[in-house]
PDB file of N, CA and C in Angstrom:
ATOM      1  N   MET A   1      20.286 -44.688 -10.882  1.00  0.00           N
ATOM      2  CA  MET A   1      20.067 -43.451 -11.606  1.00  0.00           C
ATOM      3  C   MET A   1      21.295 -43.177 -12.460  1.00  0.00           C
ATOM      4  N   LYS A   2      21.056 -42.882 -13.722  1.00  0.00           N
ATOM      5  CA  LYS A   2      22.137 -42.559 -14.643  1.00  0.00           C
ATOM      6  C   LYS A   2      22.221 -41.042 -14.787  1.00  0.00           C
ATOM      7  N   VAL A   3      23.366 -40.465 -14.487  1.00  0.00           N
ATOM      8  CA  VAL A   3      23.565 -39.028 -14.601  1.00  0.00           C
ATOM      9  C   VAL A   3      24.023 -38.716 -16.019  1.00  0.00           C
ATOM     10  N   LEU A   4      23.296 -37.812 -16.690  1.00  0.00           N
ATOM     11  CA  LEU A   4      23.633 -37.454 -18.057  1.00  0.00           C
ATOM     12  C   LEU A   4      24.438 -36.169 -18.144  1.00  0.00           C
ATOM     13  N   ALA A   5      24.293 -35.285 -17.156  1.00  0.00           N
ATOM     14  CA  ALA A   5      25.018 -34.012 -17.208  1.00  0.00           C
ATOM     15  C   ALA A   5      25.186 -33.456 -15.801  1.00  0.00           C
ATOM     16  N   VAL A   6      26.276 -32.783 -15.595  1.00  0.00           N
ATOM     17  CA  VAL A   6      26.539 -32.095 -14.337  1.00  0.00           C
ATOM     18  C   VAL A   6      27.023 -30.698 -14.684  1.00  0.00           C
ATOM     19  N   GLU A   7      26.449 -29.693 -14.046  1.00  0.00           N
ATOM     20  CA  GLU A   7      26.805 -28.313 -14.313  1.00  0.00           C
ATOM     21  C   GLU A   7      27.352 -27.702 -13.041  1.00  0.00           C
ATOM     22  N   MET A   8      28.599 -27.280 -13.053  1.00  0.00           N
ATOM     23  CA  MET A   8      29.218 -26.735 -11.846  1.00  0.00           C
ATOM     24  C   MET A   8      29.653 -25.279 -12.001  1.00  0.00           C
ATOM     25  N   GLU A   9      29.775 -24.793 -13.226  1.00  0.00           N
ATOM     26  CA  GLU A   9      30.335 -23.467 -13.437  1.00  0.00           C
ATOM     27  C   GLU A   9      29.529 -22.346 -12.786  1.00  0.00           C
ATOM     28  N   SER A  10      28.210 -22.478 -12.753  1.00  0.00           N
ATOM     29  CA  SER A  10      27.406 -21.404 -12.187  1.00  0.00           C
ATOM     30  C   SER A  10      27.250 -21.494 -10.673  1.00  0.00           C
ATOM     31  N   ALA A  11      27.869 -22.472 -10.041  1.00  0.00           N
ATOM     32  CA  ALA A  11      27.807 -22.568  -8.576  1.00  0.00           C
ATOM     33  C   ALA A  11      28.366 -21.307  -7.929  1.00  0.00           C
ATOM     34  N   GLY A  12      29.414 -20.751  -8.516  1.00  0.00           N
ATOM     35  CA  GLY A  12      29.990 -19.505  -7.991  1.00  0.00           C
ATOM     36  C   GLY A  12      29.026 -18.339  -8.082  1.00  0.00           C
ATOM     37  N   VAL A  13      28.244 -18.288  -9.139  1.00  0.00           N
ATOM     38  CA  VAL A  13      27.240 -17.230  -9.281  1.00  0.00           C
ATOM     39  C   VAL A  13      26.199 -17.368  -8.181  1.00  0.00           C
ATOM     40  N   PHE A  14      25.716 -18.588  -7.964  1.00  0.00           N
ATOM     41  CA  PHE A  14      24.721 -18.814  -6.924  1.00  0.00           C
ATOM     42  C   PHE A  14      25.283 -18.464  -5.543  1.00  0.00           C
ATOM     43  N   GLU A  15      26.531 -18.842  -5.275  1.00  0.00           N
ATOM     44  CA  GLU A  15      27.148 -18.523  -3.982  1.00  0.00           C
ATOM     45  C   GLU A  15      27.302 -17.016  -3.798  1.00  0.00           C
ATOM     46  N   ALA A  16      27.716 -16.317  -4.853  1.00  0.00           N
ATOM     47  CA  ALA A  16      27.887 -14.866  -4.762  1.00  0.00           C
ATOM     48  C   ALA A  16      26.559 -14.170  -4.495  1.00  0.00           C
ATOM     49  N   VAL A  17      25.503 -14.609  -5.160  1.00  0.00           N
ATOM     50  CA  VAL A  17      24.185 -14.017  -4.933  1.00  0.00           C
ATOM     51  C   VAL A  17      23.710 -14.308  -3.517  1.00  0.00           C
ATOM     52  N   ALA A  18      23.898 -15.540  -3.062  1.00  0.00           N
ATOM     53  CA  ALA A  18      23.486 -15.897  -1.701  1.00  0.00           C
ATOM     54  C   ALA A  18      24.239 -15.073  -0.669  1.00  0.00           C
ATOM     55  N   ALA A  19      25.496 -14.769  -0.940  1.00  0.00           N
ATOM     56  CA  ALA A  19      26.317 -14.011   0.006  1.00  0.00           C
ATOM     57  C   ALA A  19      25.834 -12.570   0.171  1.00  0.00           C
ATOM     58  N   THR A  20      25.079 -12.049  -0.800  1.00  0.00           N
ATOM     59  CA  THR A  20      24.575 -10.678  -0.676  1.00  0.00           C
ATOM     60  C   THR A  20      23.470 -10.581   0.359  1.00  0.00           C
ATOM     61  N   GLY A  21      22.816 -11.716   0.654  1.00  0.00           N
ATOM     62  CA  GLY A  21      21.715 -11.705   1.604  1.00  0.00           C
ATOM     63  C   GLY A  21      20.430 -11.137   1.019  1.00  0.00           C
ATOM     64  N   GLN A  22      20.463 -10.782  -0.258  1.00  0.00           N
ATOM     65  CA  GLN A  22      19.274 -10.228  -0.902  1.00  0.00           C
ATOM     66  C   GLN A  22      18.461 -11.338  -1.559  1.00  0.00           C
ATOM     67  N   ASP A  23      17.190 -11.074  -1.745  1.00  0.00           N
ATOM     68  CA  ASP A  23      16.303 -12.034  -2.391  1.00  0.00           C
ATOM     69  C   ASP A  23      16.394 -11.819  -3.898  1.00  0.00           C
ATOM     70  N   ILE A  24      17.344 -12.476  -4.526  1.00  0.00           N
ATOM     71  CA  ILE A  24      17.585 -12.327  -5.960  1.00  0.00           C
ATOM     72  C   ILE A  24      17.410 -13.689  -6.616  1.00  0.00           C
ATOM     73  N   SER A  25      16.639 -13.700  -7.674  1.00  0.00           N
ATOM     74  CA  SER A  25      16.430 -14.947  -8.422  1.00  0.00           C
ATOM     75  C   SER A  25      17.403 -15.007  -9.586  1.00  0.00           C
ATOM     76  N   ILE A  26      17.924 -16.180  -9.837  1.00  0.00           N
ATOM     77  CA  ILE A  26      18.796 -16.385 -10.987  1.00  0.00           C
ATOM     78  C   ILE A  26      18.342 -17.625 -11.738  1.00  0.00           C
ATOM     79  N   VAL A  27      18.577 -17.595 -13.039  1.00  0.00           N
ATOM     80  CA  VAL A  27      18.305 -18.733 -13.894  1.00  0.00           C
ATOM     81  C   VAL A  27      19.544 -18.957 -14.741  1.00  0.00           C
ATOM     82  N   VAL A  28      19.946 -20.203 -14.869  1.00  0.00           N
ATOM     83  CA  VAL A  28      21.082 -20.556 -15.717  1.00  0.00           C
ATOM     84  C   VAL A  28      20.561 -21.378 -16.884  1.00  0.00           C
ATOM     85  N   VAL A  29      20.887 -20.948 -18.082  1.00  0.00           N
ATOM     86  CA  VAL A  29      20.538 -21.694 -19.293  1.00  0.00           C
ATOM     87  C   VAL A  29      21.849 -22.083 -19.952  1.00  0.00           C
ATOM     88  N   ARG A  30      22.049 -23.369 -20.128  1.00  0.00           N
ATOM     89  CA  ARG A  30      23.293 -23.872 -20.729  1.00  0.00           C
ATOM     90  C   ARG A  30      23.003 -24.539 -22.065  1.00  0.00           C
ATOM     91  N   ALA A  31      23.983 -24.470 -22.931  1.00  0.00           N
ATOM     92  CA  ALA A  31      23.895 -25.177 -24.213  1.00  0.00           C
ATOM     93  C   ALA A  31      24.627 -26.496 -24.055  1.00  0.00           C
ATOM     94  N   ILE A  32      23.877 -27.581 -23.982  1.00  0.00           N
ATOM     95  CA  ILE A  32      24.481 -28.901 -23.815  1.00  0.00           C
ATOM     96  C   ILE A  32      24.642 -29.521 -25.190  1.00  0.00           C
ATOM     97  N   ALA A  33      25.889 -29.795 -25.545  1.00  0.00           N
ATOM     98  CA  ALA A  33      26.195 -30.220 -26.913  1.00  0.00           C
ATOM     99  C   ALA A  33      26.627 -31.676 -27.005  1.00  0.00           C
ATOM    100  N   GLY A  34      26.382 -32.465 -25.994  1.00  0.00           N
ATOM    101  CA  GLY A  34      26.753 -33.866 -26.073  1.00  0.00           C
ATOM    102  C   GLY A  34      26.948 -34.454 -24.696  1.00  0.00           C
ATOM    103  N   PHE A  35      27.368 -35.676 -24.687  1.00  0.00           N
ATOM    104  CA  PHE A  35      27.630 -36.382 -23.439  1.00  0.00           C
ATOM    105  C   PHE A  35      29.102 -36.231 -23.067  1.00  0.00           C
ATOM    106  N   ALA A  36      29.466 -36.663 -21.899  1.00  0.00           N
ATOM    107  CA  ALA A  36      30.855 -36.556 -21.438  1.00  0.00           C
ATOM    108  C   ALA A  36      31.680 -37.731 -21.949  1.00  0.00           C
ATOM    109  N   ASP A  37      31.517 -38.004 -23.213  1.00  0.00           N
ATOM    110  CA  ASP A  37      32.302 -39.059 -23.845  1.00  0.00           C
ATOM    111  C   ASP A  37      32.467 -38.708 -25.327  1.00  0.00           C
ATOM    112  N   ASP A  38      32.925 -39.608 -26.118  1.00  0.00           N
ATOM    113  CA  ASP A  38      33.175 -39.340 -27.536  1.00  0.00           C
ATOM    114  C   ASP A  38      32.024 -39.780 -28.443  1.00  0.00           C
ATOM    115  N   SER A  39      30.806 -39.951 -27.896  1.00  0.00           N
ATOM    116  CA  SER A  39      29.705 -40.468 -28.704  1.00  0.00           C
ATOM    117  C   SER A  39      29.180 -39.446 -29.719  1.00  0.00           C
ATOM    118  N   VAL A  40      29.488 -38.166 -29.532  1.00  0.00           N
ATOM    119  CA  VAL A  40      29.017 -37.124 -30.444  1.00  0.00           C
ATOM    120  C   VAL A  40      30.197 -36.226 -30.786  1.00  0.00           C
ATOM    121  N   ASP A  41      30.315 -35.853 -32.053  1.00  0.00           N
ATOM    122  CA  ASP A  41      31.331 -34.887 -32.465  1.00  0.00           C
ATOM    123  C   ASP A  41      30.838 -33.507 -32.044  1.00  0.00           C
ATOM    124  N   ILE A  42      31.485 -32.917 -31.070  1.00  0.00           N
ATOM    125  CA  ILE A  42      31.040 -31.663 -30.467  1.00  0.00           C
ATOM    126  C   ILE A  42      30.883 -30.549 -31.497  1.00  0.00           C
ATOM    127  N   LEU A  43      31.735 -30.531 -32.503  1.00  0.00           N
ATOM    128  CA  LEU A  43      31.648 -29.480 -33.511  1.00  0.00           C
ATOM    129  C   LEU A  43      30.385 -29.601 -34.344  1.00  0.00           C
ATOM    130  N   ASP A  44      29.858 -30.797 -34.482  1.00  0.00           N
ATOM    131  CA  ASP A  44      28.641 -31.000 -35.270  1.00  0.00           C
ATOM    132  C   ASP A  44      27.390 -30.471 -34.567  1.00  0.00           C
ATOM    133  N   VAL A  45      27.371 -30.460 -33.255  1.00  0.00           N
ATOM    134  CA  VAL A  45      26.150 -30.117 -32.531  1.00  0.00           C
ATOM    135  C   VAL A  45      26.240 -28.811 -31.747  1.00  0.00           C
ATOM    136  N   ARG A  46      27.392 -28.190 -31.704  1.00  0.00           N
ATOM    137  CA  ARG A  46      27.563 -26.973 -30.892  1.00  0.00           C
ATOM    138  C   ARG A  46      26.616 -25.857 -31.326  1.00  0.00           C
ATOM    139  N   SER A  47      26.504 -25.618 -32.622  1.00  0.00           N
ATOM    140  CA  SER A  47      25.655 -24.541 -33.122  1.00  0.00           C
ATOM    141  C   SER A  47      24.189 -24.790 -32.771  1.00  0.00           C
ATOM    142  N   GLU A  48      23.725 -26.021 -32.968  1.00  0.00           N
ATOM    143  CA  GLU A  48      22.334 -26.346 -32.637  1.00  0.00           C
ATOM    144  C   GLU A  48      22.087 -26.194 -31.136  1.00  0.00           C
ATOM    145  N   ALA A  49      23.038 -26.618 -30.321  1.00  0.00           N
ATOM    146  CA  ALA A  49      22.885 -26.500 -28.871  1.00  0.00           C
ATOM    147  C   ALA A  49      22.809 -25.031 -28.459  1.00  0.00           C
ATOM    148  N   ALA A  50      23.646 -24.198 -29.053  1.00  0.00           N
ATOM    149  CA  ALA A  50      23.622 -22.768 -28.738  1.00  0.00           C
ATOM    150  C   ALA A  50      22.293 -22.141 -29.156  1.00  0.00           C
ATOM    151  N   GLU A  51      21.807 -22.502 -30.331  1.00  0.00           N
ATOM    152  CA  GLU A  51      20.510 -21.983 -30.787  1.00  0.00           C
ATOM    153  C   GLU A  51      19.391 -22.414 -29.846  1.00  0.00           C
ATOM    154  N   ASN A  52      19.421 -23.644 -29.388  1.00  0.00           N
ATOM    155  CA  ASN A  52      18.399 -24.127 -28.445  1.00  0.00           C
ATOM    156  C   ASN A  52      18.459 -23.353 -27.134  1.00  0.00           C
ATOM    157  N   ALA A  53      19.656 -23.098 -26.631  1.00  0.00           N
ATOM    158  CA  ALA A  53      19.801 -22.353 -25.377  1.00  0.00           C
ATOM    159  C   ALA A  53      19.286 -20.922 -25.537  1.00  0.00           C
ATOM    160  N   VAL A  54      19.574 -20.296 -26.658  1.00  0.00           N
ATOM    161  CA  VAL A  54      19.075 -18.940 -26.911  1.00  0.00           C
ATOM    162  C   VAL A  54      17.553 -18.943 -26.982  1.00  0.00           C
ATOM    163  N   THR A  55      16.981 -19.930 -27.636  1.00  0.00           N
ATOM    164  CA  THR A  55      15.520 -20.029 -27.736  1.00  0.00           C
ATOM    165  C   THR A  55      14.887 -20.134 -26.354  1.00  0.00           C
ATOM    166  N   VAL A  56      15.460 -20.970 -25.501  1.00  0.00           N
ATOM    167  CA  VAL A  56      14.933 -21.124 -24.133  1.00  0.00           C
ATOM    168  C   VAL A  56      15.085 -19.822 -23.354  1.00  0.00           C
ATOM    169  N   ALA A  57      16.261 -19.197 -23.424  1.00  0.00           N
ATOM    170  CA  ALA A  57      16.498 -17.949 -22.686  1.00  0.00           C
ATOM    171  C   ALA A  57      15.531 -16.856 -23.134  1.00  0.00           C
ATOM    172  N   LEU A  58      15.342 -16.708 -24.434  1.00  0.00           N
ATOM    173  CA  LEU A  58      14.424 -15.681 -24.939  1.00  0.00           C
ATOM    174  C   LEU A  58      12.988 -15.957 -24.508  1.00  0.00           C
ATOM    175  N   GLU A  59      12.588 -17.212 -24.487  1.00  0.00           N
ATOM    176  CA  GLU A  59      11.237 -17.546 -24.042  1.00  0.00           C
ATOM    177  C   GLU A  59      11.068 -17.246 -22.555  1.00  0.00           C
ATOM    178  N   LEU A  60      12.083 -17.535 -21.752  1.00  0.00           N
ATOM    179  CA  LEU A  60      12.017 -17.192 -20.326  1.00  0.00           C
ATOM    180  C   LEU A  60      11.898 -15.683 -20.133  1.00  0.00           C
ATOM    181  N   ILE A  61      12.675 -14.932 -20.891  1.00  0.00           N
ATOM    182  CA  ILE A  61      12.612 -13.469 -20.804  1.00  0.00           C
ATOM    183  C   ILE A  61      11.230 -12.978 -21.242  1.00  0.00           C
ATOM    184  N   ARG A  62      10.709 -13.551 -22.314  1.00  0.00           N
ATOM    185  CA  ARG A  62       9.393 -13.146 -22.803  1.00  0.00           C
ATOM    186  C   ARG A  62       8.313 -13.353 -21.747  1.00  0.00           C
ATOM    187  N   ARG A  63       8.464 -14.374 -20.931  1.00  0.00           N
ATOM    188  CA  ARG A  63       7.450 -14.691 -19.921  1.00  0.00           C
ATOM    189  C   ARG A  63       7.627 -13.926 -18.615  1.00  0.00           C
ATOM    190  N   LEU A  64       8.686 -13.147 -18.488  1.00  0.00           N
ATOM    191  CA  LEU A  64       8.872 -12.351 -17.280  1.00  0.00           C
ATOM    192  C   LEU A  64       7.756 -11.318 -17.157  1.00  0.00           C
ATOM    193  N   PRO A  65       7.349 -11.021 -15.932  1.00  0.00           N
ATOM    194  CA  PRO A  65       6.346  -9.969 -15.783  1.00  0.00           C
ATOM    195  C   PRO A  65       6.949  -8.625 -16.187  1.00  0.00           C
ATOM    196  N   THR A  66       6.115  -7.757 -16.726  1.00  0.00           N
ATOM    197  CA  THR A  66       6.591  -6.427 -17.093  1.00  0.00           C
ATOM    198  C   THR A  66       6.660  -5.563 -15.849  1.00  0.00           C
ATOM    199  N   LEU A  67       7.366  -4.455 -15.933  1.00  0.00           N
ATOM    200  CA  LEU A  67       7.456  -3.539 -14.799  1.00  0.00           C
ATOM    201  C   LEU A  67       6.082  -3.013 -14.416  1.00  0.00           C
ATOM    202  N   ASP A  68       5.181  -2.880 -15.384  1.00  0.00           N
ATOM    203  CA  ASP A  68       3.833  -2.396 -15.093  1.00  0.00           C
ATOM    204  C   ASP A  68       3.078  -3.359 -14.179  1.00  0.00           C
ATOM    205  N   THR A  69       3.312  -4.665 -14.322  1.00  0.00           N
ATOM    206  CA  THR A  69       2.570  -5.640 -13.522  1.00  0.00           C
ATOM    207  C   THR A  69       3.225  -5.904 -12.178  1.00  0.00           C
ATOM    208  N   LEU A  70       4.467  -5.448 -11.990  1.00  0.00           N
ATOM    209  CA  LEU A  70       5.169  -5.701 -10.732  1.00  0.00           C
ATOM    210  C   LEU A  70       4.791  -4.719  -9.633  1.00  0.00           C
ATOM    211  N   GLY A  71       4.338  -3.524  -9.983  1.00  0.00           N
ATOM    212  CA  GLY A  71       4.026  -2.531  -8.994  1.00  0.00           C
ATOM    213  C   GLY A  71       5.267  -1.736  -8.610  1.00  0.00           C
ATOM    214  N   PRO A  72       5.155  -0.920  -7.563  1.00  0.00           N
ATOM    215  CA  PRO A  72       6.288  -0.062  -7.176  1.00  0.00           C
ATOM    216  C   PRO A  72       7.490  -0.887  -6.713  1.00  0.00           C
ATOM    217  N   VAL A  73       8.659  -0.376  -6.998  1.00  0.00           N
ATOM    218  CA  VAL A  73       9.902  -1.034  -6.605  1.00  0.00           C
ATOM    219  C   VAL A  73      10.436  -0.343  -5.362  1.00  0.00           C
ATOM    220  N   ASP A  74      10.762  -1.130  -4.347  1.00  0.00           N
ATOM    221  CA  ASP A  74      11.358  -0.571  -3.134  1.00  0.00           C
ATOM    222  C   ASP A  74      12.786  -0.154  -3.416  1.00  0.00           C
ATOM    223  N   GLU A  75      13.137   1.050  -3.030  1.00  0.00           N
ATOM    224  CA  GLU A  75      14.506   1.511  -3.193  1.00  0.00           C
ATOM    225  C   GLU A  75      15.363   0.905  -2.075  1.00  0.00           C
ATOM    226  N   PRO A  76      16.604   0.522  -2.375  1.00  0.00           N
ATOM    227  CA  PRO A  76      17.461  -0.044  -1.324  1.00  0.00           C
ATOM    228  C   PRO A  76      17.806   1.018  -0.278  1.00  0.00           C
ATOM    229  N   ASP A  77      18.016   0.557   0.956  1.00  0.00           N
ATOM    230  CA  ASP A  77      18.377   1.474   2.040  1.00  0.00           C
ATOM    231  C   ASP A  77      19.793   2.013   1.873  1.00  0.00           C
ATOM    232  N   THR A  78      20.652   1.200   1.296  1.00  0.00           N
ATOM    233  CA  THR A  78      22.033   1.601   1.112  1.00  0.00           C
ATOM    234  C   THR A  78      22.365   1.625  -0.371  1.00  0.00           C
ATOM    235  N   PRO A  79      23.241   2.525  -0.789  1.00  0.00           N
ATOM    236  CA  PRO A  79      23.611   2.571  -2.203  1.00  0.00           C
ATOM    237  C   PRO A  79      24.306   1.277  -2.615  1.00  0.00           C
ATOM    238  N   VAL A  80      24.055   0.879  -3.833  1.00  0.00           N
ATOM    239  CA  VAL A  80      24.666  -0.349  -4.359  1.00  0.00           C
ATOM    240  C   VAL A  80      25.936  -0.016  -5.076  1.00  0.00           C
TER     241      VAL A  80
END
């Protein structure tokens, strides 16, 4: 198996959410602008990669259920 990308920066976010003990969903969208070598000039593709990541994030947000379809929200027992 050839690994093309590894993402470690959001591991802390996942650990912090898990530590709360709450059922919270997270999604990470990254702009990948090349390989971990010199095969691509990063400055040439950074803008396109960022635009692609924004497009994906906006589409994910668009597909989220609305508050009307979720039903009543349970209030937490303790203040946040």
